[in-house]
Amino acid sequence: MLKFFTTGELAKICNVSIRTVQFYDKENIVKPSKLSDGGRRLYTEEEVKKFRCICLYKALGLSLDEIKKVSQTQNPYGLLSEIVFFQRLKIDEEIKNLEQMKARLSVITEQINEAGKVELESIDDLEELMRRKERHKRTDVMTYIFLACYVLVLLAGFPIAAALGGFAPGVMGVAAVILLSGLIFYHSQVNSYICPVCGKRFSIGFFKDAFSFNGIRKGKFLKCPSCGRKGWFKETYFH
């Protein structure tokens, strides 16, 4: 004997509203098996199973038209596979767009935090600022690579030079000074700073970079050339 479920019971089983069940009936997607003497919609277990699938398709982000096609085709799994494939492509594109939006918002937040204002007049300005940020990241990586190479030269080179004796330690010392000077020069050329008080952007020269205190994450201990503030200034790509 068939067991029948009312609209309310079907809605409760599938955790949806009664209006949702009525909507899919109206759209000819899941029709009731029959109407009771009082005109109430009655669904069989087979229709409950079908409605569960419809809810699954909806949760996967399928549109109403796609749900109709899957529910009415003779080969639902083949069509579903195709729809899901394109759904994943669409989601990947949406994720990419959201990540880009998040990156844009991050750049604006960083500019407000560092400069106290937003100096952007168009989307082109924002895109250019994002390119600067990426270049700044690459220069940071290059700086750490140069620093790691310098440390390796010191750790490996000096013991070897000491073992060789003669002019070797002196040559090694000169090489170390040249490498360090090159690292400092590179750092001074690719980085700039911004004053959190007056918003002045400025760069520093080779000697200032060489002899100012470096707090790693805190930046460098400098003096703003505009307002005279002394303190830690972080490197910035806003220049």
Protein backbone atom coordinates (compact mmCIF):
# COMPACT_ATOMS: atom_id res chain seq x y z
CA MET A 1 0.00 0.00 0.00
CA LEU A 2 1.35 3.38 -1.02
CA LYS A 3 2.16 5.87 1.71
CA PHE A 4 1.27 9.46 0.95
CA PHE A 5 2.71 12.68 2.33
CA THR A 6 1.00 16.04 2.49
CA THR A 7 2.66 19.28 1.38
CA GLY A 8 3.48 20.13 4.99
CA GLU A 9 4.99 16.72 5.67
CA LEU A 10 7.09 16.88 2.49
CA ALA A 11 8.29 20.36 3.42
CA LYS A 12 9.27 19.14 6.90
CA ILE A 13 11.11 16.07 5.56
CA CYS A 14 13.14 18.16 3.08
CA ASN A 15 13.58 21.10 5.49
CA VAL A 16 11.99 23.65 3.15
CA SER A 17 8.96 25.90 3.35
CA ILE A 18 5.49 24.86 2.19
CA ARG A 19 5.66 27.65 -0.39
CA THR A 20 8.78 26.05 -1.85
CA VAL A 21 6.95 22.74 -2.34
CA GLN A 22 4.07 24.62 -3.94
CA PHE A 23 6.47 26.52 -6.17
CA TYR A 24 8.03 23.35 -7.60
CA ASP A 25 4.53 21.98 -8.19
CA LYS A 26 3.59 25.16 -10.07
CA GLU A 27 6.79 24.89 -12.16
CA ASN A 28 5.91 21.26 -13.05
CA ILE A 29 9.12 19.94 -11.52
CA VAL A 30 7.69 17.82 -8.68
CA LYS A 31 3.96 17.30 -9.06
CA PRO A 32 1.85 15.58 -6.39
CA SER A 33 0.76 12.05 -7.16
CA LYS A 34 -2.86 12.96 -6.52
CA LEU A 35 -5.16 15.29 -4.66
CA SER A 36 -7.18 14.25 -1.64
CA ASP A 37 -10.93 14.56 -1.50
CA GLY A 38 -10.40 17.89 0.20
CA GLY A 39 -8.06 19.09 -2.54
CA ARG A 40 -4.79 18.60 -0.60
CA ARG A 41 -1.65 17.66 -2.50
CA LEU A 42 -0.43 14.15 -1.76
CA TYR A 43 3.06 12.88 -2.57
CA THR A 44 4.43 9.35 -2.70
CA GLU A 45 7.81 8.21 -1.40
CA GLU A 46 9.10 8.34 -4.98
CA GLU A 47 8.17 12.02 -5.19
CA VAL A 48 9.79 12.65 -1.80
CA LYS A 49 12.97 11.07 -3.15
CA LYS A 50 12.75 13.25 -6.27
CA PHE A 51 12.20 16.36 -4.19
CA ARG A 52 15.29 15.54 -2.10
CA CYS A 53 17.30 15.44 -5.34
CA ILE A 54 15.84 18.79 -6.36
CA CYS A 55 16.95 20.27 -3.03
CA LEU A 56 20.43 18.84 -3.62
CA TYR A 57 20.62 20.39 -7.09
CA LYS A 58 19.50 23.73 -5.65
CA ALA A 59 22.19 23.52 -2.95
CA LEU A 60 24.77 22.90 -5.69
CA GLY A 61 23.79 26.21 -7.26
CA LEU A 62 21.87 24.92 -10.28
CA SER A 63 19.40 27.35 -11.80
CA LEU A 64 15.68 26.63 -12.09
CA ASP A 65 16.02 25.90 -15.81
CA GLU A 66 18.90 23.49 -15.17
CA ILE A 67 16.91 21.72 -12.45
CA LYS A 68 13.98 21.36 -14.86
CA LYS A 69 16.21 19.86 -17.55
CA VAL A 70 17.82 17.36 -15.16
CA SER A 71 14.51 16.32 -13.62
CA GLN A 72 12.80 15.83 -16.99
CA THR A 73 15.56 14.18 -19.05
CA GLN A 74 15.85 10.45 -19.65
CA ASN A 75 19.58 10.54 -18.83
CA PRO A 76 19.76 12.81 -15.76
CA TYR A 77 23.26 11.80 -14.65
CA GLY A 78 24.91 12.57 -17.98
CA LEU A 79 23.27 15.99 -18.12
CA LEU A 80 23.99 16.59 -14.43
CA SER A 81 27.67 15.81 -14.97
CA GLU A 82 27.84 18.39 -17.75
CA ILE A 83 25.99 21.01 -15.72
CA VAL A 84 28.16 20.41 -12.65
CA PHE A 85 31.31 20.77 -14.79
CA PHE A 86 30.25 24.20 -16.03
CA GLN A 87 29.03 25.11 -12.55
CA ARG A 88 32.53 24.46 -11.22
CA LEU A 89 34.02 26.64 -13.96
CA LYS A 90 31.61 29.41 -13.01
CA ILE A 91 32.48 29.07 -9.33
CA ASP A 92 36.21 29.16 -10.11
CA GLU A 93 35.67 32.39 -12.02
CA GLU A 94 33.63 33.83 -9.16
CA ILE A 95 36.36 32.87 -6.67
CA LYS A 96 38.96 34.54 -8.89
CA ASN A 97 36.86 37.71 -9.05
CA LEU A 98 36.29 37.68 -5.29
CA GLU A 99 40.01 37.18 -4.62
CA GLN A 100 40.74 40.14 -6.88
CA MET A 101 38.16 42.23 -5.07
CA LYS A 102 39.64 41.18 -1.73
CA ALA A 103 43.11 42.20 -2.92
CA ARG A 104 41.78 45.60 -4.02
CA LEU A 105 40.10 46.17 -0.67
CA SER A 106 43.31 45.11 1.09
CA VAL A 107 45.33 47.70 -0.84
CA ILE A 108 42.86 50.46 0.03
CA THR A 109 42.87 49.42 3.71
CA GLU A 110 46.66 49.43 3.79
CA GLN A 111 46.80 52.90 2.25
CA ILE A 112 44.34 54.25 4.82
CA ASN A 113 46.31 52.64 7.66
CA GLU A 114 49.65 53.96 6.42
CA ALA A 115 48.76 57.35 4.93
CA GLY A 116 45.49 58.12 6.69
CA LYS A 117 43.74 58.71 3.37
CA VAL A 118 43.03 57.19 -0.03
CA GLU A 119 44.86 58.77 -2.95
CA LEU A 120 43.06 57.00 -5.77
CA GLU A 121 41.01 58.65 -8.49
CA SER A 122 40.20 55.72 -10.76
CA ILE A 123 40.34 51.96 -11.14
CA ASP A 124 43.52 52.44 -13.17
CA ASP A 125 45.18 54.05 -10.14
CA LEU A 126 44.11 51.09 -8.02
CA GLU A 127 45.41 48.55 -10.54
CA GLU A 128 48.75 50.39 -10.71
CA LEU A 129 48.94 50.34 -6.91
CA MET A 130 48.32 46.58 -6.91
CA ARG A 131 51.12 46.11 -9.44
CA ARG A 132 53.42 48.10 -7.16
CA LYS A 133 52.46 45.84 -4.27
CA GLU A 134 53.36 42.74 -6.29
CA ARG A 135 56.70 44.29 -7.31
CA HIS A 136 57.34 45.18 -3.68
CA LYS A 137 56.72 41.57 -2.67
CA ARG A 138 59.19 40.38 -5.31
CA THR A 139 61.84 42.86 -4.15
CA ASP A 140 61.36 41.63 -0.58
CA VAL A 141 61.97 38.07 -1.76
CA MET A 142 65.06 39.16 -3.69
CA THR A 143 66.36 40.99 -0.63
CA TYR A 144 66.02 37.88 1.53
CA ILE A 145 67.70 35.77 -1.16
CA PHE A 146 70.64 38.19 -1.37
CA LEU A 147 70.86 38.23 2.43
CA ALA A 148 70.83 34.43 2.60
CA CYS A 149 73.59 34.26 -0.04
CA TYR A 150 75.63 36.79 1.91
CA VAL A 151 75.31 34.78 5.13
CA LEU A 152 76.30 31.59 3.30
CA VAL A 153 79.36 33.33 1.87
CA LEU A 154 80.37 34.44 5.36
CA LEU A 155 79.80 31.03 6.95
CA ALA A 156 81.51 29.03 4.23
CA GLY A 157 83.97 31.52 2.76
CA PHE A 158 85.84 32.76 5.80
CA PRO A 159 86.75 29.32 7.20
CA ILE A 160 88.03 28.32 3.77
CA ALA A 161 89.96 31.59 3.40
CA ALA A 162 91.46 31.18 6.88
CA ALA A 163 92.56 27.65 6.01
CA LEU A 164 94.20 28.84 2.79
CA GLY A 165 96.00 31.68 4.57
CA GLY A 166 98.00 34.35 2.76
CA PHE A 167 95.90 36.94 0.97
CA ALA A 168 92.79 34.77 1.06
CA PRO A 169 91.26 36.22 4.27
CA GLY A 170 91.78 39.77 2.98
CA VAL A 171 90.23 38.96 -0.40
CA MET A 172 87.33 37.30 1.39
CA GLY A 173 86.86 40.39 3.56
CA VAL A 174 86.79 42.66 0.53
CA ALA A 175 84.29 40.36 -1.20
CA ALA A 176 82.07 40.40 1.89
CA VAL A 177 82.11 44.21 2.02
CA ILE A 178 81.25 44.44 -1.70
CA LEU A 179 78.35 41.98 -1.35
CA LEU A 180 77.00 43.80 1.71
CA SER A 181 77.29 47.16 -0.07
CA GLY A 182 75.44 45.75 -3.05
CA LEU A 183 72.66 44.45 -0.79
CA ILE A 184 72.31 47.81 0.97
CA PHE A 185 72.34 49.71 -2.33
CA TYR A 186 69.65 47.45 -3.77
CA HIS A 187 67.53 47.85 -0.63
CA SER A 188 67.83 51.64 -0.70
CA GLN A 189 66.83 51.79 -4.37
CA VAL A 190 63.69 49.65 -4.27
CA ASN A 191 62.17 50.72 -0.95
CA SER A 192 60.55 53.89 0.31
CA TYR A 193 58.84 54.95 3.53
CA ILE A 194 55.76 56.93 4.51
CA CYS A 195 55.26 59.06 7.61
CA PRO A 196 52.16 58.02 9.55
CA VAL A 197 51.81 61.56 10.91
CA CYS A 198 52.10 63.87 7.89
CA GLY A 199 51.79 61.29 5.10
CA LYS A 200 55.10 62.31 3.51
CA ARG A 201 56.64 59.66 1.27
CA PHE A 202 60.38 59.57 1.14
CA SER A 203 63.34 57.40 0.21
CA ILE A 204 66.70 57.16 1.91
CA GLY A 205 70.16 56.99 0.42
CA PHE A 206 72.84 54.35 0.66
CA PHE A 207 74.55 55.65 3.82
CA LYS A 208 71.29 56.33 5.68
CA ASP A 209 70.16 52.80 4.83
CA ALA A 210 73.49 51.37 5.94
CA PHE A 211 73.73 53.13 9.31
CA SER A 212 70.09 53.39 10.47
CA PHE A 213 68.68 50.87 12.91
CA ASN A 214 66.70 48.03 11.32
CA GLY A 215 63.87 46.54 13.34
CA ILE A 216 63.05 43.86 10.73
CA ARG A 217 59.22 43.80 10.95
CA LYS A 218 59.09 47.26 12.53
CA GLY A 219 61.05 48.73 9.64
CA LYS A 220 63.82 51.30 10.06
CA PHE A 221 64.33 53.93 12.74
CA LEU A 222 64.27 57.16 10.74
CA LYS A 223 63.39 60.83 10.84
CA CYS A 224 60.66 62.22 8.59
CA PRO A 225 62.19 64.87 6.32
CA SER A 226 58.91 66.80 6.36
CA CYS A 227 57.57 66.93 9.94
CA GLY A 228 60.68 65.76 11.79
CA ARG A 229 59.01 62.77 13.45
CA LYS A 230 61.46 60.16 14.69
CA GLY A 231 60.47 56.54 15.02
CA TRP A 232 60.04 53.25 13.21
CA PHE A 233 59.00 53.56 9.57
CA LYS A 234 57.82 50.51 7.66
CA GLU A 235 58.76 49.97 4.06
CA THR A 236 55.91 50.80 1.69
CA TYR A 237 54.96 50.34 -1.94
CA PHE A 238 53.03 53.65 -1.88
CA HIS A 239 55.53 55.74 -3.80
